[in-house]
Amino acid sequence: MAIQPGTGYTFTSSSLGTNLNIEQPWSEWDNNKFVCSPYKVHSVTPKTGEGGDYVTFDICPGTFNNLMPQSYDSVNEEWVCIDDQYVDTEFVLDFASTTTSIVYLRVGPDATSHAFPPTSPGTGSDDPYPRIYSTGGALPADSDTFGYVAIAKVTEVSATVYTVEQYVTGSLWGDRIKVGTDTALYFYARI
């Protein structure tokens, strides 16, 4: 069998053995394919609607303590699990008169059973079930009611160009510790 040299590589053979010299490294197999990892924020898109201009984003499914978080769908005006989106689902970024928006996970203990987190979603804005939010300000401070972890930061570079700085790249496991009158402490680990 004979192997001939080709573009980007050379092949030599002698009594000492064979040698393949790759002058240019091979590219990745799927270097242009999007890979959806847990909590990855992507597809940041400026839009115009009835209320004016706004910016939407998509987020890849990820879990918190084996629960699928929810995010608010502004089109259908309901909380949906991030792995159960409709075709027209839109999650809106809050830029609040700034050029950055922080996407974060908010979670708290059940008000009745004190389970952390509650195992099923409730209703209302104060539901402690894991939920994805965004803020144009600073990440809220942890309290006895809720703990917060930054998922990503979206920055407006120019009128229609946005960059995403990803902080969390995997599903999370978390714990809440409350001792006496001190503010509860929240701990997170990537799984």
N, C-alpha and C. Protein backbone atom coordinates (compact mmCIF):
# COMPACT_ATOMS: atom_id res chain seq x y z
N MET A 1 0.84 -1.17 0.00
CA MET A 1 0.00 0.00 0.00
C MET A 1 0.89 1.23 0.00
N ALA A 2 0.53 2.22 -0.79
CA ALA A 2 1.30 3.45 -0.88
C ALA A 2 0.40 4.63 -0.57
N ILE A 3 0.88 5.52 0.28
CA ILE A 3 0.15 6.74 0.61
C ILE A 3 0.94 7.91 0.02
N GLN A 4 0.26 8.75 -0.70
CA GLN A 4 0.91 9.87 -1.35
C GLN A 4 0.70 11.15 -0.53
N PRO A 5 1.66 12.08 -0.56
CA PRO A 5 1.47 13.36 0.11
C PRO A 5 0.33 14.14 -0.53
N GLY A 6 -0.32 14.99 0.26
CA GLY A 6 -1.43 15.79 -0.25
C GLY A 6 -1.38 17.20 0.32
N THR A 7 -2.41 17.98 0.01
CA THR A 7 -2.47 19.36 0.47
C THR A 7 -2.58 19.40 1.99
N GLY A 8 -1.68 20.09 2.64
CA GLY A 8 -1.72 20.26 4.09
C GLY A 8 -1.02 19.18 4.89
N TYR A 9 -0.50 18.15 4.21
CA TYR A 9 0.22 17.11 4.93
C TYR A 9 1.27 16.47 4.02
N THR A 10 2.28 15.88 4.65
CA THR A 10 3.28 15.12 3.92
C THR A 10 3.42 13.76 4.58
N PHE A 11 3.82 12.80 3.79
CA PHE A 11 3.97 11.44 4.28
C PHE A 11 5.33 10.91 3.82
N THR A 12 6.10 10.41 4.77
CA THR A 12 7.40 9.84 4.40
C THR A 12 7.51 8.45 5.00
N SER A 13 8.22 7.60 4.28
CA SER A 13 8.40 6.23 4.74
C SER A 13 9.86 5.85 4.51
N SER A 14 10.45 5.19 5.49
CA SER A 14 11.83 4.73 5.37
C SER A 14 11.97 3.44 6.16
N SER A 15 13.20 2.94 6.22
CA SER A 15 13.44 1.71 6.98
C SER A 15 13.23 1.92 8.49
N LEU A 16 13.21 3.19 8.90
CA LEU A 16 12.99 3.50 10.32
C LEU A 16 11.51 3.59 10.68
N GLY A 17 10.63 3.57 9.69
CA GLY A 17 9.19 3.65 9.96
C GLY A 17 8.52 4.65 9.05
N THR A 18 7.35 5.07 9.44
CA THR A 18 6.57 6.02 8.64
C THR A 18 6.31 7.29 9.45
N ASN A 19 6.11 8.37 8.71
CA ASN A 19 5.88 9.65 9.37
C ASN A 19 4.80 10.41 8.61
N LEU A 20 3.79 10.89 9.32
CA LEU A 20 2.75 11.73 8.75
C LEU A 20 2.87 13.10 9.40
N ASN A 21 3.14 14.13 8.60
CA ASN A 21 3.31 15.49 9.12
C ASN A 21 2.11 16.33 8.66
N ILE A 22 1.31 16.75 9.64
CA ILE A 22 0.15 17.59 9.33
C ILE A 22 0.59 19.04 9.50
N GLU A 23 0.71 19.75 8.39
CA GLU A 23 1.17 21.13 8.42
C GLU A 23 0.10 22.09 8.93
N GLN A 24 -1.16 21.74 8.68
CA GLN A 24 -2.27 22.56 9.16
C GLN A 24 -3.20 21.65 9.94
N PRO A 25 -3.54 21.99 11.17
CA PRO A 25 -4.41 21.11 11.97
C PRO A 25 -5.79 20.99 11.34
N TRP A 26 -6.38 19.84 11.56
CA TRP A 26 -7.73 19.61 11.05
C TRP A 26 -8.72 20.45 11.82
N SER A 27 -9.78 20.87 11.16
CA SER A 27 -10.80 21.67 11.83
C SER A 27 -11.74 20.75 12.60
N GLU A 28 -12.50 21.32 13.52
CA GLU A 28 -13.49 20.57 14.27
C GLU A 28 -14.52 20.00 13.31
N TRP A 29 -15.11 18.88 13.65
CA TRP A 29 -16.10 18.25 12.78
C TRP A 29 -17.31 19.14 12.57
N ASP A 30 -17.82 19.71 13.65
CA ASP A 30 -19.02 20.54 13.56
C ASP A 30 -18.72 21.95 14.06
N ASN A 31 -17.73 22.61 13.49
CA ASN A 31 -17.31 23.90 14.02
C ASN A 31 -18.33 25.01 13.83
N ASN A 32 -19.32 24.84 12.96
CA ASN A 32 -20.34 25.88 12.78
C ASN A 32 -21.69 25.48 13.36
N LYS A 33 -21.78 24.37 14.03
CA LYS A 33 -23.04 23.88 14.57
C LYS A 33 -23.25 24.43 15.97
N PHE A 34 -24.46 24.95 16.23
CA PHE A 34 -24.80 25.48 17.54
C PHE A 34 -24.95 24.33 18.53
N VAL A 35 -24.34 24.46 19.70
CA VAL A 35 -24.46 23.47 20.75
C VAL A 35 -25.21 24.10 21.91
N CYS A 36 -26.33 23.49 22.26
CA CYS A 36 -27.17 24.02 23.34
C CYS A 36 -26.77 23.35 24.65
N SER A 37 -26.10 24.09 25.54
CA SER A 37 -25.75 23.57 26.85
C SER A 37 -26.68 24.19 27.88
N PRO A 38 -26.88 23.55 29.04
CA PRO A 38 -27.84 24.06 30.02
C PRO A 38 -27.62 25.53 30.36
N TYR A 39 -28.72 26.27 30.31
CA TYR A 39 -28.79 27.70 30.63
C TYR A 39 -28.06 28.61 29.64
N LYS A 40 -27.66 28.10 28.50
CA LYS A 40 -26.98 28.95 27.52
C LYS A 40 -27.97 29.97 26.95
N VAL A 41 -27.63 31.25 27.08
CA VAL A 41 -28.44 32.33 26.54
C VAL A 41 -27.98 32.58 25.11
N HIS A 42 -28.95 32.59 24.17
CA HIS A 42 -28.59 32.74 22.76
C HIS A 42 -29.74 33.41 22.00
N SER A 43 -29.53 33.61 20.74
CA SER A 43 -30.54 34.21 19.84
C SER A 43 -31.11 35.51 20.40
N VAL A 44 -30.23 36.41 20.81
CA VAL A 44 -30.66 37.73 21.28
C VAL A 44 -31.09 38.54 20.07
N THR A 45 -32.36 38.98 20.07
CA THR A 45 -32.95 39.59 18.88
C THR A 45 -33.73 40.85 19.21
N PRO A 46 -33.39 41.99 18.60
CA PRO A 46 -34.19 43.20 18.79
C PRO A 46 -35.49 43.10 17.98
N LYS A 47 -36.59 43.57 18.58
CA LYS A 47 -37.90 43.52 17.92
C LYS A 47 -38.65 44.81 18.20
N THR A 48 -39.69 45.03 17.41
CA THR A 48 -40.59 46.17 17.60
C THR A 48 -42.00 45.63 17.69
N GLY A 49 -42.74 46.09 18.70
CA GLY A 49 -44.12 45.63 18.89
C GLY A 49 -45.02 46.78 19.26
N GLU A 50 -46.20 46.44 19.79
CA GLU A 50 -47.19 47.45 20.18
C GLU A 50 -46.64 48.42 21.21
N GLY A 51 -45.85 47.90 22.14
CA GLY A 51 -45.31 48.74 23.20
C GLY A 51 -44.02 49.43 22.86
N GLY A 52 -43.52 49.25 21.64
CA GLY A 52 -42.26 49.86 21.24
C GLY A 52 -41.20 48.82 20.98
N ASP A 53 -39.93 49.23 21.12
CA ASP A 53 -38.81 48.34 20.87
C ASP A 53 -38.50 47.51 22.11
N TYR A 54 -38.10 46.27 21.89
CA TYR A 54 -37.70 45.39 22.97
C TYR A 54 -36.74 44.34 22.43
N VAL A 55 -36.11 43.59 23.32
CA VAL A 55 -35.11 42.60 22.92
C VAL A 55 -35.50 41.26 23.54
N THR A 56 -35.51 40.20 22.71
CA THR A 56 -35.84 38.87 23.20
C THR A 56 -34.59 37.99 23.24
N PHE A 57 -34.70 36.89 23.96
CA PHE A 57 -33.61 35.93 24.02
C PHE A 57 -34.19 34.52 24.15
N ASP A 58 -33.38 33.54 23.84
CA ASP A 58 -33.71 32.14 24.08
C ASP A 58 -32.73 31.62 25.11
N ILE A 59 -33.16 30.60 25.83
CA ILE A 59 -32.30 29.98 26.83
C ILE A 59 -32.46 28.47 26.72
N CYS A 60 -31.34 27.77 26.74
CA CYS A 60 -31.37 26.32 26.64
C CYS A 60 -31.86 25.72 27.95
N PRO A 61 -32.58 24.62 27.88
CA PRO A 61 -33.09 23.99 29.11
C PRO A 61 -31.97 23.55 30.03
N GLY A 62 -32.17 23.78 31.30
CA GLY A 62 -31.27 23.34 32.35
C GLY A 62 -32.11 23.14 33.60
N THR A 63 -31.62 22.38 34.54
CA THR A 63 -32.40 22.11 35.75
C THR A 63 -31.79 22.76 36.98
N PHE A 64 -32.64 22.94 37.99
CA PHE A 64 -32.19 23.36 39.31
C PHE A 64 -32.78 22.34 40.29
N ASN A 65 -31.93 21.59 40.98
CA ASN A 65 -32.36 20.51 41.87
C ASN A 65 -33.33 19.58 41.16
N ASN A 66 -33.02 19.25 39.91
CA ASN A 66 -33.81 18.36 39.07
C ASN A 66 -35.17 18.92 38.68
N LEU A 67 -35.39 20.21 38.83
CA LEU A 67 -36.63 20.86 38.42
C LEU A 67 -36.34 21.77 37.22
N MET A 68 -37.26 21.83 36.28
CA MET A 68 -37.11 22.69 35.11
C MET A 68 -37.65 24.08 35.46
N PRO A 69 -36.80 25.11 35.46
CA PRO A 69 -37.26 26.47 35.79
C PRO A 69 -38.26 27.01 34.76
N GLN A 70 -38.96 28.04 35.17
CA GLN A 70 -39.90 28.73 34.30
C GLN A 70 -39.35 30.10 33.94
N SER A 71 -39.87 30.66 32.84
CA SER A 71 -39.60 32.04 32.47
C SER A 71 -40.91 32.61 31.94
N TYR A 72 -41.04 33.94 31.98
CA TYR A 72 -42.29 34.56 31.59
C TYR A 72 -42.34 34.76 30.08
N ASP A 73 -43.36 34.20 29.46
CA ASP A 73 -43.59 34.33 28.02
C ASP A 73 -44.46 35.56 27.82
N SER A 74 -43.87 36.62 27.26
CA SER A 74 -44.59 37.89 27.11
C SER A 74 -45.63 37.86 26.00
N VAL A 75 -45.54 36.92 25.07
CA VAL A 75 -46.53 36.82 24.00
C VAL A 75 -47.81 36.19 24.54
N ASN A 76 -47.68 35.05 25.18
CA ASN A 76 -48.83 34.32 25.69
C ASN A 76 -49.19 34.73 27.13
N GLU A 77 -48.39 35.62 27.71
CA GLU A 77 -48.59 36.17 29.05
C GLU A 77 -48.80 35.09 30.10
N GLU A 78 -47.81 34.19 30.16
CA GLU A 78 -47.86 33.13 31.16
C GLU A 78 -46.45 32.64 31.45
N TRP A 79 -46.30 31.99 32.61
CA TRP A 79 -45.03 31.38 32.96
C TRP A 79 -44.97 30.02 32.29
N VAL A 80 -43.86 29.73 31.59
CA VAL A 80 -43.68 28.44 30.93
C VAL A 80 -42.33 27.86 31.34
N CYS A 81 -42.29 26.54 31.42
CA CYS A 81 -41.00 25.88 31.68
C CYS A 81 -40.10 26.12 30.47
N ILE A 82 -38.83 26.33 30.72
CA ILE A 82 -37.93 26.71 29.62
C ILE A 82 -37.69 25.58 28.63
N ASP A 83 -38.16 24.36 28.92
CA ASP A 83 -38.06 23.28 27.95
C ASP A 83 -39.39 23.01 27.25
N ASP A 84 -40.40 23.84 27.49
CA ASP A 84 -41.74 23.62 26.95
C ASP A 84 -42.25 24.90 26.30
N GLN A 85 -41.48 25.39 25.33
CA GLN A 85 -41.82 26.66 24.70
C GLN A 85 -42.70 26.46 23.48
N TYR A 86 -43.57 27.44 23.24
CA TYR A 86 -44.38 27.47 22.03
C TYR A 86 -43.54 28.07 20.90
N VAL A 87 -44.03 27.98 19.68
CA VAL A 87 -43.33 28.55 18.54
C VAL A 87 -43.18 30.06 18.70
N ASP A 88 -44.20 30.72 19.25
CA ASP A 88 -44.16 32.19 19.38
C ASP A 88 -43.72 32.68 20.77
N THR A 89 -43.16 31.79 21.59
CA THR A 89 -42.72 32.19 22.92
C THR A 89 -41.63 33.25 22.82
N GLU A 90 -41.76 34.30 23.65
CA GLU A 90 -40.72 35.33 23.70
C GLU A 90 -40.37 35.63 25.15
N PHE A 91 -39.09 35.48 25.47
CA PHE A 91 -38.57 35.91 26.75
C PHE A 91 -37.88 37.25 26.52
N VAL A 92 -38.31 38.27 27.24
CA VAL A 92 -37.85 39.64 26.98
C VAL A 92 -36.77 40.02 27.98
N LEU A 93 -35.70 40.63 27.46
CA LEU A 93 -34.63 41.16 28.31
C LEU A 93 -35.03 42.52 28.87
N ASP A 94 -34.66 42.76 30.10
CA ASP A 94 -34.92 44.05 30.74
C ASP A 94 -33.62 44.85 30.72
N PHE A 95 -33.59 45.90 29.91
CA PHE A 95 -32.40 46.74 29.85
C PHE A 95 -32.52 47.95 30.78
N ALA A 96 -33.72 48.30 31.24
CA ALA A 96 -33.94 49.36 32.24
C ALA A 96 -32.98 50.54 32.10
N SER A 97 -33.02 51.20 30.97
CA SER A 97 -32.22 52.39 30.65
C SER A 97 -30.71 52.20 30.81
N THR A 98 -30.25 51.00 30.53
CA THR A 98 -28.81 50.71 30.54
C THR A 98 -28.50 49.83 29.34
N THR A 99 -27.24 49.62 29.06
CA THR A 99 -26.87 48.82 27.89
C THR A 99 -26.58 47.37 28.26
N THR A 100 -26.81 46.98 29.51
CA THR A 100 -26.61 45.59 29.92
C THR A 100 -27.86 45.05 30.60
N SER A 101 -28.04 43.76 30.48
CA SER A 101 -29.14 43.07 31.15
C SER A 101 -28.59 41.77 31.71
N ILE A 102 -28.87 41.50 32.96
CA ILE A 102 -28.41 40.27 33.61
C ILE A 102 -29.56 39.27 33.61
N VAL A 103 -29.32 38.10 33.06
CA VAL A 103 -30.28 36.99 33.10
C VAL A 103 -29.91 36.18 34.34
N TYR A 104 -30.90 35.94 35.20
CA TYR A 104 -30.61 35.24 36.45
C TYR A 104 -31.69 34.26 36.84
N LEU A 105 -31.33 33.34 37.73
CA LEU A 105 -32.25 32.36 38.29
C LEU A 105 -32.61 32.82 39.69
N ARG A 106 -33.92 32.82 39.99
CA ARG A 106 -34.40 33.17 41.33
C ARG A 106 -35.11 31.96 41.90
N VAL A 107 -34.80 31.61 43.12
CA VAL A 107 -35.42 30.45 43.77
C VAL A 107 -35.55 30.71 45.27
N GLY A 108 -36.57 30.13 45.87
CA GLY A 108 -36.79 30.32 47.30
C GLY A 108 -37.45 29.11 47.92
N PRO A 109 -37.66 29.14 49.24
CA PRO A 109 -38.31 28.02 49.92
C PRO A 109 -39.84 28.14 49.82
N ASP A 110 -40.52 27.01 49.89
CA ASP A 110 -41.98 26.99 49.92
C ASP A 110 -42.44 27.67 51.22
N ALA A 111 -43.42 28.55 51.11
CA ALA A 111 -43.90 29.32 52.27
C ALA A 111 -44.53 28.44 53.33
N THR A 112 -45.15 27.34 52.94
CA THR A 112 -45.83 26.47 53.91
C THR A 112 -44.95 25.35 54.41
N SER A 113 -44.41 24.55 53.48
CA SER A 113 -43.62 23.38 53.88
C SER A 113 -42.15 23.71 54.12
N HIS A 114 -41.70 24.86 53.65
CA HIS A 114 -40.30 25.32 53.74
C HIS A 114 -39.35 24.44 52.91
N ALA A 115 -39.90 23.60 52.02
CA ALA A 115 -39.06 22.81 51.12
C ALA A 115 -38.32 23.75 50.19
N PHE A 116 -37.05 23.43 49.91
CA PHE A 116 -36.26 24.26 49.02
C PHE A 116 -35.76 23.43 47.86
N PRO A 117 -36.14 23.80 46.68
CA PRO A 117 -37.24 24.67 46.28
C PRO A 117 -38.56 23.90 46.30
N PRO A 118 -39.68 24.60 46.11
CA PRO A 118 -40.95 23.86 46.01
C PRO A 118 -40.90 22.94 44.79
N THR A 119 -41.58 21.81 44.88
CA THR A 119 -41.49 20.82 43.80
C THR A 119 -42.45 21.08 42.65
N SER A 120 -43.37 22.01 42.79
CA SER A 120 -44.26 22.35 41.68
C SER A 120 -44.49 23.85 41.65
N PRO A 121 -44.65 24.39 40.44
CA PRO A 121 -44.83 25.84 40.32
C PRO A 121 -46.19 26.29 40.84
N GLY A 122 -46.20 27.51 41.35
CA GLY A 122 -47.44 28.14 41.79
C GLY A 122 -47.78 29.27 40.84
N THR A 123 -48.51 30.23 41.35
CA THR A 123 -48.88 31.39 40.54
C THR A 123 -48.40 32.65 41.24
N GLY A 124 -48.46 33.76 40.53
CA GLY A 124 -48.10 35.03 41.12
C GLY A 124 -46.62 35.34 40.99
N SER A 125 -46.30 36.61 41.21
CA SER A 125 -44.92 37.06 41.03
C SER A 125 -44.00 36.65 42.18
N ASP A 126 -44.56 36.25 43.31
CA ASP A 126 -43.73 35.87 44.45
C ASP A 126 -43.58 34.36 44.59
N ASP A 127 -43.86 33.61 43.53
CA ASP A 127 -43.73 32.15 43.56
C ASP A 127 -42.26 31.78 43.75
N PRO A 128 -41.94 30.94 44.75
CA PRO A 128 -40.54 30.57 45.00
C PRO A 128 -40.00 29.47 44.10
N TYR A 129 -40.85 28.90 43.22
CA TYR A 129 -40.39 27.89 42.28
C TYR A 129 -39.27 28.51 41.42
N PRO A 130 -38.27 27.72 40.98
CA PRO A 130 -37.18 28.29 40.18
C PRO A 130 -37.69 29.00 38.93
N ARG A 131 -37.28 30.26 38.78
CA ARG A 131 -37.70 31.07 37.64
C ARG A 131 -36.54 31.87 37.09
N ILE A 132 -36.57 32.08 35.77
CA ILE A 132 -35.55 32.87 35.07
C ILE A 132 -36.09 34.28 34.89
N TYR A 133 -35.30 35.28 35.26
CA TYR A 133 -35.66 36.69 35.11
C TYR A 133 -34.50 37.41 34.43
N SER A 134 -34.72 38.68 34.13
CA SER A 134 -33.62 39.53 33.69
C SER A 134 -33.81 40.90 34.33
N THR A 135 -32.69 41.59 34.51
CA THR A 135 -32.73 42.91 35.10
C THR A 135 -31.72 43.80 34.41
N GLY A 136 -32.08 45.06 34.24
CA GLY A 136 -31.16 46.03 33.67
C GLY A 136 -30.29 46.66 34.73
N GLY A 137 -30.55 46.34 35.97
CA GLY A 137 -29.74 46.85 37.08
C GLY A 137 -28.81 45.78 37.60
N ALA A 138 -28.53 45.86 38.90
CA ALA A 138 -27.65 44.89 39.53
C ALA A 138 -28.44 43.64 39.92
N LEU A 139 -27.73 42.54 40.07
CA LEU A 139 -28.34 41.30 40.54
C LEU A 139 -28.92 41.57 41.93
N PRO A 140 -30.18 41.19 42.17
CA PRO A 140 -30.75 41.42 43.51
C PRO A 140 -29.95 40.70 44.59
N ALA A 141 -30.02 41.22 45.80
CA ALA A 141 -29.31 40.62 46.93
C ALA A 141 -30.14 39.46 47.50
N ASP A 142 -29.45 38.41 47.93
CA ASP A 142 -30.13 37.29 48.56
C ASP A 142 -30.88 37.75 49.80
N SER A 143 -31.99 37.09 50.08
CA SER A 143 -32.79 37.40 51.26
C SER A 143 -33.30 36.08 51.83
N ASP A 144 -34.08 36.16 52.90
CA ASP A 144 -34.67 34.95 53.46
C ASP A 144 -35.69 34.35 52.50
N THR A 145 -36.26 35.18 51.64
CA THR A 145 -37.31 34.75 50.73
C THR A 145 -36.76 34.18 49.43
N PHE A 146 -35.70 34.78 48.86
CA PHE A 146 -35.17 34.35 47.58
C PHE A 146 -33.65 34.39 47.54
N GLY A 147 -33.10 33.45 46.74
CA GLY A 147 -31.68 33.46 46.41
C GLY A 147 -31.56 33.68 44.91
N TYR A 148 -30.46 34.30 44.49
CA TYR A 148 -30.27 34.67 43.08
C TYR A 148 -28.91 34.21 42.60
N VAL A 149 -28.88 33.74 41.35
CA VAL A 149 -27.60 33.39 40.74
C VAL A 149 -27.62 33.90 39.30
N ALA A 150 -26.56 34.63 38.93
CA ALA A 150 -26.45 35.18 37.57
C ALA A 150 -26.16 34.06 36.59
N ILE A 151 -26.95 34.01 35.50
CA ILE A 151 -26.77 33.01 34.45
C ILE A 151 -25.89 33.58 33.33
N ALA A 152 -26.20 34.82 32.91
CA ALA A 152 -25.46 35.44 31.81
C ALA A 152 -25.68 36.95 31.85
N LYS A 153 -24.80 37.68 31.18
CA LYS A 153 -24.96 39.12 31.02
C LYS A 153 -24.99 39.43 29.53
N VAL A 154 -26.03 40.15 29.10
CA VAL A 154 -26.17 40.53 27.70
C VAL A 154 -25.85 42.02 27.60
N THR A 155 -24.95 42.38 26.71
CA THR A 155 -24.53 43.77 26.54
C THR A 155 -24.86 44.23 25.13
N GLU A 156 -25.46 45.40 25.03
CA GLU A 156 -25.75 46.00 23.73
C GLU A 156 -24.50 46.73 23.26
N VAL A 157 -23.89 46.22 22.20
CA VAL A 157 -22.66 46.80 21.65
C VAL A 157 -23.00 47.97 20.74
N SER A 158 -24.02 47.79 19.92
CA SER A 158 -24.52 48.86 19.05
C SER A 158 -26.02 48.63 18.89
N ALA A 159 -26.66 49.38 18.01
CA ALA A 159 -28.12 49.36 17.89
C ALA A 159 -28.72 47.96 17.76
N THR A 160 -28.12 47.08 17.03
CA THR A 160 -28.69 45.73 16.85
C THR A 160 -27.68 44.62 17.11
N VAL A 161 -26.58 44.94 17.78
CA VAL A 161 -25.55 43.96 18.05
C VAL A 161 -25.43 43.75 19.56
N TYR A 162 -25.50 42.48 19.98
CA TYR A 162 -25.46 42.14 21.40
C TYR A 162 -24.42 41.05 21.63
N THR A 163 -23.74 41.13 22.76
CA THR A 163 -22.82 40.08 23.16
C THR A 163 -23.37 39.42 24.42
N VAL A 164 -23.06 38.13 24.57
CA VAL A 164 -23.51 37.38 25.74
C VAL A 164 -22.28 36.89 26.49
N GLU A 165 -22.21 37.24 27.75
CA GLU A 165 -21.15 36.74 28.64
C GLU A 165 -21.81 35.68 29.52
N GLN A 166 -21.50 34.41 29.28
CA GLN A 166 -22.17 33.29 29.94
C GLN A 166 -21.47 32.99 31.26
N TYR A 167 -22.24 32.93 32.37
CA TYR A 167 -21.68 32.63 33.68
C TYR A 167 -21.94 31.18 34.10
N VAL A 168 -23.12 30.65 33.77
CA VAL A 168 -23.48 29.28 34.14
C VAL A 168 -23.57 28.46 32.86
N THR A 169 -22.89 27.32 32.84
CA THR A 169 -22.87 26.49 31.63
C THR A 169 -23.29 25.06 31.93
N GLY A 170 -24.09 24.86 32.94
CA GLY A 170 -24.57 23.52 33.27
C GLY A 170 -25.73 23.61 34.23
N SER A 171 -26.44 22.51 34.39
CA SER A 171 -27.53 22.47 35.36
C SER A 171 -26.95 22.70 36.75
N LEU A 172 -27.82 23.12 37.67
CA LEU A 172 -27.37 23.50 39.01
C LEU A 172 -28.04 22.68 40.10
N TRP A 173 -27.30 22.51 41.18
CA TRP A 173 -27.85 21.97 42.41
C TRP A 173 -27.63 23.06 43.45
N GLY A 174 -28.62 23.29 44.27
CA GLY A 174 -28.48 24.36 45.24
C GLY A 174 -29.00 23.97 46.61
N ASP A 175 -28.57 24.73 47.61
CA ASP A 175 -29.02 24.50 48.97
C ASP A 175 -29.19 25.84 49.67
N ARG A 176 -30.08 25.89 50.61
CA ARG A 176 -30.37 27.10 51.40
C ARG A 176 -30.15 26.77 52.86
N ILE A 177 -29.38 27.61 53.53
CA ILE A 177 -29.14 27.41 54.96
C ILE A 177 -29.58 28.67 55.70
N LYS A 178 -30.48 28.49 56.65
CA LYS A 178 -31.01 29.60 57.46
C LYS A 178 -30.74 29.27 58.92
N VAL A 179 -29.99 30.14 59.58
CA VAL A 179 -29.65 29.93 60.99
C VAL A 179 -30.06 31.16 61.78
N GLY A 180 -30.94 30.97 62.75
CA GLY A 180 -31.37 32.06 63.62
C GLY A 180 -31.95 33.23 62.85
N THR A 181 -31.51 34.43 63.21
CA THR A 181 -32.04 35.63 62.57
C THR A 181 -31.16 36.11 61.40
N ASP A 182 -30.05 35.42 61.15
CA ASP A 182 -29.20 35.79 60.02
C ASP A 182 -29.93 35.56 58.71
N THR A 183 -29.55 36.35 57.70
CA THR A 183 -30.12 36.17 56.36
C THR A 183 -29.71 34.80 55.83
N ALA A 184 -30.63 34.13 55.18
CA ALA A 184 -30.36 32.80 54.62
C ALA A 184 -29.20 32.87 53.64
N LEU A 185 -28.43 31.81 53.59
CA LEU A 185 -27.31 31.69 52.65
C LEU A 185 -27.68 30.65 51.60
N TYR A 186 -27.29 30.92 50.36
CA TYR A 186 -27.60 30.04 49.25
C TYR A 186 -26.30 29.57 48.63
N PHE A 187 -26.24 28.28 48.32
CA PHE A 187 -25.05 27.69 47.74
C PHE A 187 -25.45 26.97 46.46
N TYR A 188 -24.63 27.11 45.41
CA TYR A 188 -24.92 26.52 44.12
C TYR A 188 -23.72 25.74 43.62
N ALA A 189 -24.01 24.63 42.96
CA ALA A 189 -22.96 23.83 42.34
C ALA A 189 -23.44 23.38 40.98
N ARG A 190 -22.53 23.38 40.03
CA ARG A 190 -22.87 22.90 38.68
C ARG A 190 -22.82 21.38 38.66
N ILE A 191 -23.81 20.78 38.01
CA ILE A 191 -23.82 19.32 37.93
C ILE A 191 -23.72 18.88 36.48
